[in-house]
PDB file of N, CA and C in Angstrom:
ATOM      1  N   MET A   1     -19.895  18.525 -32.715  1.00  0.00           N
ATOM      2  CA  MET A   1     -20.008  17.115 -33.040  1.00  0.00           C
ATOM      3  C   MET A   1     -19.276  16.336 -31.960  1.00  0.00           C
ATOM      4  N   LYS A   2     -19.776  15.154 -31.700  1.00  0.00           N
ATOM      5  CA  LYS A   2     -19.077  14.310 -30.733  1.00  0.00           C
ATOM      6  C   LYS A   2     -19.123  12.852 -31.164  1.00  0.00           C
ATOM      7  N   ILE A   3     -18.149  12.131 -30.663  1.00  0.00           N
ATOM      8  CA  ILE A   3     -18.106  10.679 -30.834  1.00  0.00           C
ATOM      9  C   ILE A   3     -18.398  10.080 -29.469  1.00  0.00           C
ATOM     10  N   VAL A   4     -19.386   9.196 -29.434  1.00  0.00           N
ATOM     11  CA  VAL A   4     -19.801   8.574 -28.182  1.00  0.00           C
ATOM     12  C   VAL A   4     -19.470   7.089 -28.263  1.00  0.00           C
ATOM     13  N   GLU A   5     -18.727   6.616 -27.281  1.00  0.00           N
ATOM     14  CA  GLU A   5     -18.402   5.190 -27.179  1.00  0.00           C
ATOM     15  C   GLU A   5     -19.134   4.640 -25.959  1.00  0.00           C
ATOM     16  N   THR A   6     -19.862   3.555 -26.140  1.00  0.00           N
ATOM     17  CA  THR A   6     -20.584   2.949 -25.025  1.00  0.00           C
ATOM     18  C   THR A   6     -20.125   1.508 -24.819  1.00  0.00           C
ATOM     19  N   HIS A   7     -20.051   1.134 -23.560  1.00  0.00           N
ATOM     20  CA  HIS A   7     -19.745  -0.254 -23.191  1.00  0.00           C
ATOM     21  C   HIS A   7     -20.809  -0.719 -22.217  1.00  0.00           C
ATOM     22  N   ASP A   8     -21.293  -1.899 -22.412  1.00  0.00           N
ATOM     23  CA  ASP A   8     -22.150  -2.564 -21.435  1.00  0.00           C
ATOM     24  C   ASP A   8     -21.698  -4.015 -21.404  1.00  0.00           C
ATOM     25  N   ILE A   9     -20.560  -4.230 -20.785  1.00  0.00           N
ATOM     26  CA  ILE A   9     -19.915  -5.541 -20.797  1.00  0.00           C
ATOM     27  C   ILE A   9     -19.874  -6.076 -19.372  1.00  0.00           C
ATOM     28  N   HIS A  10     -20.381  -7.271 -19.197  1.00  0.00           N
ATOM     29  CA  HIS A  10     -20.379  -7.896 -17.879  1.00  0.00           C
ATOM     30  C   HIS A  10     -18.948  -8.246 -17.488  1.00  0.00           C
ATOM     31  N   GLU A  11     -18.622  -7.962 -16.250  1.00  0.00           N
ATOM     32  CA  GLU A  11     -17.264  -8.254 -15.799  1.00  0.00           C
ATOM     33  C   GLU A  11     -17.028  -9.757 -15.713  1.00  0.00           C
ATOM     34  N   ASN A  12     -15.770 -10.123 -15.688  1.00  0.00           N
ATOM     35  CA  ASN A  12     -15.391 -11.534 -15.617  1.00  0.00           C
ATOM     36  C   ASN A  12     -15.516 -11.992 -14.167  1.00  0.00           C
ATOM     37  N   ASP A  13     -16.729 -12.384 -13.825  1.00  0.00           N
ATOM     38  CA  ASP A  13     -16.991 -12.777 -12.445  1.00  0.00           C
ATOM     39  C   ASP A  13     -17.258 -14.276 -12.295  1.00  0.00           C
ATOM     40  N   GLY A  14     -16.966 -15.033 -13.352  1.00  0.00           N
ATOM     41  CA  GLY A  14     -17.126 -16.475 -13.276  1.00  0.00           C
ATOM     42  C   GLY A  14     -18.522 -16.981 -13.581  1.00  0.00           C
ATOM     43  N   TYR A  15     -19.450 -16.067 -13.810  1.00  0.00           N
ATOM     44  CA  TYR A  15     -20.806 -16.483 -14.114  1.00  0.00           C
ATOM     45  C   TYR A  15     -21.000 -16.636 -15.616  1.00  0.00           C
ATOM     46  N   GLU A  16     -22.135 -17.172 -16.011  1.00  0.00           N
ATOM     47  CA  GLU A  16     -22.425 -17.484 -17.412  1.00  0.00           C
ATOM     48  C   GLU A  16     -22.364 -16.259 -18.318  1.00  0.00           C
ATOM     49  N   ASP A  17     -22.720 -15.077 -17.806  1.00  0.00           N
ATOM     50  CA  ASP A  17     -22.746 -13.889 -18.659  1.00  0.00           C
ATOM     51  C   ASP A  17     -21.433 -13.104 -18.668  1.00  0.00           C
ATOM     52  N   SER A  18     -20.366 -13.641 -18.086  1.00  0.00           N
ATOM     53  CA  SER A  18     -19.069 -12.960 -18.073  1.00  0.00           C
ATOM     54  C   SER A  18     -18.602 -12.669 -19.489  1.00  0.00           C
ATOM     55  N   GLY A  19     -18.217 -11.415 -19.724  1.00  0.00           N
ATOM     56  CA  GLY A  19     -17.696 -11.018 -21.026  1.00  0.00           C
ATOM     57  C   GLY A  19     -18.759 -10.757 -22.075  1.00  0.00           C
ATOM     58  N   LYS A  20     -20.011 -10.987 -21.760  1.00  0.00           N
ATOM     59  CA  LYS A  20     -21.089 -10.732 -22.716  1.00  0.00           C
ATOM     60  C   LYS A  20     -21.559  -9.293 -22.562  1.00  0.00           C
ATOM     61  N   GLY A  21     -22.171  -8.760 -23.603  1.00  0.00           N
ATOM     62  CA  GLY A  21     -22.675  -7.396 -23.539  1.00  0.00           C
ATOM     63  C   GLY A  21     -22.586  -6.728 -24.892  1.00  0.00           C
ATOM     64  N   SER A  22     -22.310  -5.413 -24.891  1.00  0.00           N
ATOM     65  CA  SER A  22     -22.246  -4.681 -26.156  1.00  0.00           C
ATOM     66  C   SER A  22     -21.226  -3.559 -26.082  1.00  0.00           C
ATOM     67  N   LEU A  23     -20.748  -3.182 -27.258  1.00  0.00           N
ATOM     68  CA  LEU A  23     -19.847  -2.056 -27.437  1.00  0.00           C
ATOM     69  C   LEU A  23     -20.382  -1.268 -28.625  1.00  0.00           C
ATOM     70  N   GLY A  24     -20.538   0.033 -28.440  1.00  0.00           N
ATOM     71  CA  GLY A  24     -21.057   0.861 -29.521  1.00  0.00           C
ATOM     72  C   GLY A  24     -20.223   2.103 -29.711  1.00  0.00           C
ATOM     73  N   ILE A  25     -20.235   2.628 -30.906  1.00  0.00           N
ATOM     74  CA  ILE A  25     -19.585   3.900 -31.194  1.00  0.00           C
ATOM     75  C   ILE A  25     -20.482   4.658 -32.164  1.00  0.00           C
ATOM     76  N   TYR A  26     -20.701   5.941 -31.857  1.00  0.00           N
ATOM     77  CA  TYR A  26     -21.668   6.743 -32.594  1.00  0.00           C
ATOM     78  C   TYR A  26     -21.101   8.125 -32.862  1.00  0.00           C
ATOM     79  N   VAL A  27     -21.421   8.687 -34.015  1.00  0.00           N
ATOM     80  CA  VAL A  27     -21.084  10.068 -34.333  1.00  0.00           C
ATOM     81  C   VAL A  27     -22.381  10.853 -34.207  1.00  0.00           C
ATOM     82  N   VAL A  28     -22.362  11.875 -33.344  1.00  0.00           N
ATOM     83  CA  VAL A  28     -23.564  12.639 -33.024  1.00  0.00           C
ATOM     84  C   VAL A  28     -23.337  14.096 -33.418  1.00  0.00           C
ATOM     85  N   ASN A  29     -24.291  14.687 -34.135  1.00  0.00           N
ATOM     86  CA  ASN A  29     -24.130  16.078 -34.565  1.00  0.00           C
ATOM     87  C   ASN A  29     -24.522  17.038 -33.436  1.00  0.00           C
ATOM     88  N   ASP A  30     -24.418  18.338 -33.709  1.00  0.00           N
ATOM     89  CA  ASP A  30     -24.685  19.351 -32.688  1.00  0.00           C
ATOM     90  C   ASP A  30     -26.157  19.409 -32.277  1.00  0.00           C
ATOM     91  N   ASP A  31     -27.051  18.815 -33.060  1.00  0.00           N
ATOM     92  CA  ASP A  31     -28.461  18.733 -32.698  1.00  0.00           C
ATOM     93  C   ASP A  31     -28.771  17.452 -31.931  1.00  0.00           C
ATOM     94  N   ASN A  32     -27.716  16.748 -31.512  1.00  0.00           N
ATOM     95  CA  ASN A  32     -27.805  15.495 -30.756  1.00  0.00           C
ATOM     96  C   ASN A  32     -28.470  14.373 -31.548  1.00  0.00           C
ATOM     97  N   GLU A  33     -28.297  14.406 -32.873  1.00  0.00           N
ATOM     98  CA  GLU A  33     -28.807  13.353 -33.742  1.00  0.00           C
ATOM     99  C   GLU A  33     -27.653  12.444 -34.151  1.00  0.00           C
ATOM    100  N   THR A  34     -27.856  11.154 -34.088  1.00  0.00           N
ATOM    101  CA  THR A  34     -26.828  10.203 -34.505  1.00  0.00           C
ATOM    102  C   THR A  34     -26.775  10.186 -36.027  1.00  0.00           C
ATOM    103  N   ILE A  35     -25.589  10.491 -36.578  1.00  0.00           N
ATOM    104  CA  ILE A  35     -25.448  10.485 -38.039  1.00  0.00           C
ATOM    105  C   ILE A  35     -24.747   9.231 -38.540  1.00  0.00           C
ATOM    106  N   ALA A  36     -24.089   8.519 -37.639  1.00  0.00           N
ATOM    107  CA  ALA A  36     -23.473   7.228 -37.968  1.00  0.00           C
ATOM    108  C   ALA A  36     -23.277   6.473 -36.664  1.00  0.00           C
ATOM    109  N   GLY A  37     -23.370   5.169 -36.724  1.00  0.00           N
ATOM    110  CA  GLY A  37     -23.179   4.391 -35.516  1.00  0.00           C
ATOM    111  C   GLY A  37     -23.006   2.918 -35.804  1.00  0.00           C
ATOM    112  N   ALA A  38     -22.374   2.253 -34.864  1.00  0.00           N
ATOM    113  CA  ALA A  38     -22.162   0.811 -34.979  1.00  0.00           C
ATOM    114  C   ALA A  38     -22.190   0.209 -33.580  1.00  0.00           C
ATOM    115  N   THR A  39     -22.818  -0.936 -33.471  1.00  0.00           N
ATOM    116  CA  THR A  39     -22.880  -1.662 -32.200  1.00  0.00           C
ATOM    117  C   THR A  39     -22.562  -3.128 -32.463  1.00  0.00           C
ATOM    118  N   VAL A  40     -21.719  -3.677 -31.629  1.00  0.00           N
ATOM    119  CA  VAL A  40     -21.398  -5.103 -31.690  1.00  0.00           C
ATOM    120  C   VAL A  40     -21.796  -5.704 -30.354  1.00  0.00           C
ATOM    121  N   ARG A  41     -22.537  -6.775 -30.414  1.00  0.00           N
ATOM    122  CA  ARG A  41     -22.997  -7.436 -29.208  1.00  0.00           C
ATOM    123  C   ARG A  41     -22.325  -8.806 -29.065  1.00  0.00           C
ATOM    124  N   ALA A  42     -22.077  -9.179 -27.824  1.00  0.00           N
ATOM    125  CA  ALA A  42     -21.502 -10.492 -27.550  1.00  0.00           C
ATOM    126  C   ALA A  42     -22.489 -11.267 -26.697  1.00  0.00           C
ATOM    127  N   GLY A  43     -22.991 -12.314 -27.252  1.00  0.00           N
ATOM    128  CA  GLY A  43     -23.941 -13.152 -26.526  1.00  0.00           C
ATOM    129  C   GLY A  43     -23.415 -14.566 -26.468  1.00  0.00           C
ATOM    130  N   GLU A  44     -24.200 -15.467 -26.947  1.00  0.00           N
ATOM    131  CA  GLU A  44     -23.806 -16.870 -26.945  1.00  0.00           C
ATOM    132  C   GLU A  44     -22.782 -17.133 -28.046  1.00  0.00           C
ATOM    133  N   PRO A  45     -21.838 -18.032 -27.811  1.00  0.00           N
ATOM    134  CA  PRO A  45     -20.804 -18.307 -28.821  1.00  0.00           C
ATOM    135  C   PRO A  45     -21.366 -18.680 -30.191  1.00  0.00           C
ATOM    136  N   GLU A  46     -22.474 -19.400 -30.217  1.00  0.00           N
ATOM    137  CA  GLU A  46     -23.035 -19.810 -31.509  1.00  0.00           C
ATOM    138  C   GLU A  46     -23.641 -18.626 -32.268  1.00  0.00           C
ATOM    139  N   ASP A  47     -23.837 -17.489 -31.585  1.00  0.00           N
ATOM    140  CA  ASP A  47     -24.370 -16.292 -32.235  1.00  0.00           C
ATOM    141  C   ASP A  47     -23.272 -15.334 -32.696  1.00  0.00           C
ATOM    142  N   ALA A  48     -22.026 -15.650 -32.446  1.00  0.00           N
ATOM    143  CA  ALA A  48     -20.906 -14.773 -32.786  1.00  0.00           C
ATOM    144  C   ALA A  48     -20.527 -14.919 -34.263  1.00  0.00           C
ATOM    145  N   VAL A  49     -21.472 -14.552 -35.107  1.00  0.00           N
ATOM    146  CA  VAL A  49     -21.274 -14.588 -36.556  1.00  0.00           C
ATOM    147  C   VAL A  49     -21.750 -13.251 -37.117  1.00  0.00           C
ATOM    148  N   PHE A  50     -21.310 -12.909 -38.326  1.00  0.00           N
ATOM    149  CA  PHE A  50     -21.561 -11.583 -38.876  1.00  0.00           C
ATOM    150  C   PHE A  50     -23.023 -11.308 -39.199  1.00  0.00           C
ATOM    151  N   PHE A  51     -23.864 -12.312 -39.344  1.00  0.00           N
ATOM    152  CA  PHE A  51     -25.272 -12.031 -39.607  1.00  0.00           C
ATOM    153  C   PHE A  51     -26.094 -12.053 -38.319  1.00  0.00           C
ATOM    154  N   ARG A  52     -25.434 -12.183 -37.169  1.00  0.00           N
ATOM    155  CA  ARG A  52     -26.154 -12.145 -35.882  1.00  0.00           C
ATOM    156  C   ARG A  52     -25.499 -11.122 -34.970  1.00  0.00           C
ATOM    157  N   ASP A  53     -24.793 -11.553 -33.924  1.00  0.00           N
ATOM    158  CA  ASP A  53     -24.213 -10.625 -32.948  1.00  0.00           C
ATOM    159  C   ASP A  53     -23.197  -9.653 -33.549  1.00  0.00           C
ATOM    160  N   LEU A  54     -22.486 -10.054 -34.567  1.00  0.00           N
ATOM    161  CA  LEU A  54     -21.424  -9.219 -35.129  1.00  0.00           C
ATOM    162  C   LEU A  54     -21.873  -8.382 -36.322  1.00  0.00           C
ATOM    163  N   SER A  55     -23.177  -8.319 -36.587  1.00  0.00           N
ATOM    164  CA  SER A  55     -23.652  -7.585 -37.764  1.00  0.00           C
ATOM    165  C   SER A  55     -23.307  -6.104 -37.709  1.00  0.00           C
ATOM    166  N   GLY A  56     -23.141  -5.541 -36.517  1.00  0.00           N
ATOM    167  CA  GLY A  56     -22.772  -4.132 -36.388  1.00  0.00           C
ATOM    168  C   GLY A  56     -21.391  -3.814 -36.931  1.00  0.00           C
ATOM    169  N   ALA A  57     -20.559  -4.823 -37.122  1.00  0.00           N
ATOM    170  CA  ALA A  57     -19.217  -4.591 -37.662  1.00  0.00           C
ATOM    171  C   ALA A  57     -19.276  -3.958 -39.048  1.00  0.00           C
ATOM    172  N   TYR A  58     -20.339  -4.225 -39.790  1.00  0.00           N
ATOM    173  CA  TYR A  58     -20.486  -3.647 -41.125  1.00  0.00           C
ATOM    174  C   TYR A  58     -20.704  -2.130 -41.072  1.00  0.00           C
ATOM    175  N   ASP A  59     -21.132  -1.611 -39.933  1.00  0.00           N
ATOM    176  CA  ASP A  59     -21.441  -0.190 -39.806  1.00  0.00           C
ATOM    177  C   ASP A  59     -20.250   0.662 -39.384  1.00  0.00           C
ATOM    178  N   PHE A  60     -19.154   0.050 -38.954  1.00  0.00           N
ATOM    179  CA  PHE A  60     -18.007   0.832 -38.486  1.00  0.00           C
ATOM    180  C   PHE A  60     -17.431   1.728 -39.572  1.00  0.00           C
ATOM    181  N   ILE A  61     -17.501   1.332 -40.822  1.00  0.00           N
ATOM    182  CA  ILE A  61     -16.963   2.162 -41.897  1.00  0.00           C
ATOM    183  C   ILE A  61     -17.717   3.483 -41.991  1.00  0.00           C
ATOM    184  N   ASP A  62     -19.017   3.488 -41.706  1.00  0.00           N
ATOM    185  CA  ASP A  62     -19.787   4.732 -41.716  1.00  0.00           C
ATOM    186  C   ASP A  62     -19.313   5.686 -40.620  1.00  0.00           C
ATOM    187  N   VAL A  63     -18.964   5.137 -39.460  1.00  0.00           N
ATOM    188  CA  VAL A  63     -18.437   5.947 -38.364  1.00  0.00           C
ATOM    189  C   VAL A  63     -17.096   6.548 -38.761  1.00  0.00           C
ATOM    190  N   VAL A  64     -16.230   5.750 -39.342  1.00  0.00           N
ATOM    191  CA  VAL A  64     -14.913   6.226 -39.775  1.00  0.00           C
ATOM    192  C   VAL A  64     -15.063   7.321 -40.826  1.00  0.00           C
ATOM    193  N   LYS A  65     -15.936   7.118 -41.801  1.00  0.00           N
ATOM    194  CA  LYS A  65     -16.144   8.127 -42.851  1.00  0.00           C
ATOM    195  C   LYS A  65     -16.658   9.439 -42.273  1.00  0.00           C
ATOM    196  N   ALA A  66     -17.617   9.378 -41.347  1.00  0.00           N
ATOM    197  CA  ALA A  66     -18.171  10.597 -40.749  1.00  0.00           C
ATOM    198  C   ALA A  66     -17.113  11.341 -39.942  1.00  0.00           C
ATOM    199  N   ALA A  67     -16.311  10.623 -39.163  1.00  0.00           N
ATOM    200  CA  ALA A  67     -15.256  11.262 -38.374  1.00  0.00           C
ATOM    201  C   ALA A  67     -14.169  11.831 -39.285  1.00  0.00           C
ATOM    202  N   TYR A  68     -13.826  11.122 -40.335  1.00  0.00           N
ATOM    203  CA  TYR A  68     -12.835  11.598 -41.300  1.00  0.00           C
ATOM    204  C   TYR A  68     -13.298  12.887 -41.971  1.00  0.00           C
ATOM    205  N   GLN A  69     -14.556  12.905 -42.395  1.00  0.00           N
ATOM    206  CA  GLN A  69     -15.097  14.097 -43.049  1.00  0.00           C
ATOM    207  C   GLN A  69     -15.112  15.284 -42.085  1.00  0.00           C
ATOM    208  N   ALA A  70     -15.472  15.039 -40.840  1.00  0.00           N
ATOM    209  CA  ALA A  70     -15.468  16.111 -39.844  1.00  0.00           C
ATOM    210  C   ALA A  70     -14.059  16.673 -39.670  1.00  0.00           C
ATOM    211  N   GLY A  71     -13.072  15.794 -39.639  1.00  0.00           N
ATOM    212  CA  GLY A  71     -11.683  16.244 -39.542  1.00  0.00           C
ATOM    213  C   GLY A  71     -11.265  17.072 -40.739  1.00  0.00           C
ATOM    214  N   LYS A  72     -11.638  16.630 -41.932  1.00  0.00           N
ATOM    215  CA  LYS A  72     -11.327  17.384 -43.145  1.00  0.00           C
ATOM    216  C   LYS A  72     -11.985  18.754 -43.134  1.00  0.00           C
ATOM    217  N   ASP A  73     -13.179  18.830 -42.564  1.00  0.00           N
ATOM    218  CA  ASP A  73     -13.931  20.082 -42.523  1.00  0.00           C
ATOM    219  C   ASP A  73     -13.526  20.980 -41.353  1.00  0.00           C
ATOM    220  N   GLY A  74     -12.583  20.523 -40.532  1.00  0.00           N
ATOM    221  CA  GLY A  74     -12.112  21.332 -39.404  1.00  0.00           C
ATOM    222  C   GLY A  74     -13.082  21.411 -38.238  1.00  0.00           C
ATOM    223  N   VAL A  75     -13.977  20.441 -38.133  1.00  0.00           N
ATOM    224  CA  VAL A  75     -14.975  20.434 -37.060  1.00  0.00           C
ATOM    225  C   VAL A  75     -14.320  19.948 -35.765  1.00  0.00           C
ATOM    226  N   ASP A  76     -14.569  20.674 -34.664  1.00  0.00           N
ATOM    227  CA  ASP A  76     -14.113  20.209 -33.357  1.00  0.00           C
ATOM    228  C   ASP A  76     -14.945  19.008 -32.943  1.00  0.00           C
ATOM    229  N   ILE A  77     -14.285  18.019 -32.395  1.00  0.00           N
ATOM    230  CA  ILE A  77     -14.974  16.789 -32.001  1.00  0.00           C
ATOM    231  C   ILE A  77     -14.735  16.531 -30.521  1.00  0.00           C
ATOM    232  N   GLU A  78     -15.815  16.306 -29.810  1.00  0.00           N
ATOM    233  CA  GLU A  78     -15.765  15.944 -28.402  1.00  0.00           C
ATOM    234  C   GLU A  78     -15.899  14.428 -28.317  1.00  0.00           C
ATOM    235  N   PHE A  79     -15.196  13.811 -27.379  1.00  0.00           N
ATOM    236  CA  PHE A  79     -15.299  12.371 -27.180  1.00  0.00           C
ATOM    237  C   PHE A  79     -15.971  12.112 -25.847  1.00  0.00           C
ATOM    238  N   GLU A  80     -16.938  11.202 -25.854  1.00  0.00           N
ATOM    239  CA  GLU A  80     -17.632  10.828 -24.622  1.00  0.00           C
ATOM    240  C   GLU A  80     -17.618   9.312 -24.491  1.00  0.00           C
ATOM    241  N   PHE A  81     -17.199   8.834 -23.329  1.00  0.00           N
ATOM    242  CA  PHE A  81     -17.211   7.399 -23.035  1.00  0.00           C
ATOM    243  C   PHE A  81     -18.289   7.135 -21.994  1.00  0.00           C
ATOM    244  N   ILE A  82     -19.153   6.175 -22.256  1.00  0.00           N
ATOM    245  CA  ILE A  82     -20.215   5.812 -21.321  1.00  0.00           C
ATOM    246  C   ILE A  82     -20.087   4.327 -20.995  1.00  0.00           C
ATOM    247  N   ASP A  83     -19.838   4.032 -19.731  1.00  0.00           N
ATOM    248  CA  ASP A  83     -19.829   2.646 -19.266  1.00  0.00           C
ATOM    249  C   ASP A  83     -21.223   2.370 -18.729  1.00  0.00           C
ATOM    250  N   GLU A  84     -22.074   1.799 -19.569  1.00  0.00           N
ATOM    251  CA  GLU A  84     -23.471   1.585 -19.198  1.00  0.00           C
ATOM    252  C   GLU A  84     -23.631   0.562 -18.083  1.00  0.00           C
ATOM    253  N   SER A  85     -22.666  -0.308 -17.921  1.00  0.00           N
ATOM    254  CA  SER A  85     -22.777  -1.312 -16.873  1.00  0.00           C
ATOM    255  C   SER A  85     -22.573  -0.693 -15.495  1.00  0.00           C
ATOM    256  N   GLU A  86     -21.904   0.455 -15.429  1.00  0.00           N
ATOM    257  CA  GLU A  86     -21.663   1.111 -14.147  1.00  0.00           C
ATOM    258  C   GLU A  86     -22.256   2.514 -14.087  1.00  0.00           C
ATOM    259  N   GLY A  87     -22.864   2.969 -15.182  1.00  0.00           N
ATOM    260  CA  GLY A  87     -23.468   4.287 -15.204  1.00  0.00           C
ATOM    261  C   GLY A  87     -22.472   5.436 -15.198  1.00  0.00           C
ATOM    262  N   ARG A  88     -21.226   5.195 -15.634  1.00  0.00           N
ATOM    263  CA  ARG A  88     -20.193   6.239 -15.624  1.00  0.00           C
ATOM    264  C   ARG A  88     -20.101   6.924 -16.972  1.00  0.00           C
ATOM    265  N   ARG A  89     -19.794   8.219 -16.953  1.00  0.00           N
ATOM    266  CA  ARG A  89     -19.553   8.997 -18.157  1.00  0.00           C
ATOM    267  C   ARG A  89     -18.213   9.692 -18.014  1.00  0.00           C
ATOM    268  N   ASN A  90     -17.485   9.758 -19.119  1.00  0.00           N
ATOM    269  CA  ASN A  90     -16.198  10.443 -19.120  1.00  0.00           C
ATOM    270  C   ASN A  90     -16.118  11.233 -20.414  1.00  0.00           C
ATOM    271  N   LYS A  91     -16.025  12.561 -20.307  1.00  0.00           N
ATOM    272  CA  LYS A  91     -15.959  13.405 -21.483  1.00  0.00           C
ATOM    273  C   LYS A  91     -14.588  14.080 -21.561  1.00  0.00           C
ATOM    274  N   CYS A  92     -14.084  14.236 -22.769  1.00  0.00           N
ATOM    275  CA  CYS A  92     -12.888  15.026 -22.971  1.00  0.00           C
ATOM    276  C   CYS A  92     -12.996  15.704 -24.328  1.00  0.00           C
ATOM    277  N   GLU A  93     -12.471  16.902 -24.432  1.00  0.00           N
ATOM    278  CA  GLU A  93     -12.551  17.684 -25.659  1.00  0.00           C
ATOM    279  C   GLU A  93     -11.451  17.266 -26.610  1.00  0.00           C
ATOM    280  N   LYS A  94     -11.784  17.038 -27.851  1.00  0.00           N
ATOM    281  CA  LYS A  94     -10.813  16.722 -28.892  1.00  0.00           C
ATOM    282  C   LYS A  94     -10.945  17.752 -29.978  1.00  0.00           C
ATOM    283  N   THR A  95      -9.867  18.090 -30.618  1.00  0.00           N
ATOM    284  CA  THR A  95      -9.926  19.014 -31.750  1.00  0.00           C
ATOM    285  C   THR A  95      -9.285  18.392 -32.953  1.00  0.00           C
TER     286      THR A  95
END
């Protein structure tokens, strides 16, 4: 099992899209199927409400529950970070 964290956030370069993008976290089983996930997107300020860009916040509890259950069951968990804005991946083993 692994937890995958993704970022696709525009850097603070002074342009209109600075700081906009998305952050996601997903629990993926050994068959590479997502069993829980949450994504929060940052777009226009008027969209930063829970029924629009922030609606993914409601899904974080599912990610926490899945990771908690895996810990209780003694499952080894790998963590993977993906910076989608730069195409970088960083993996480390967690137990």
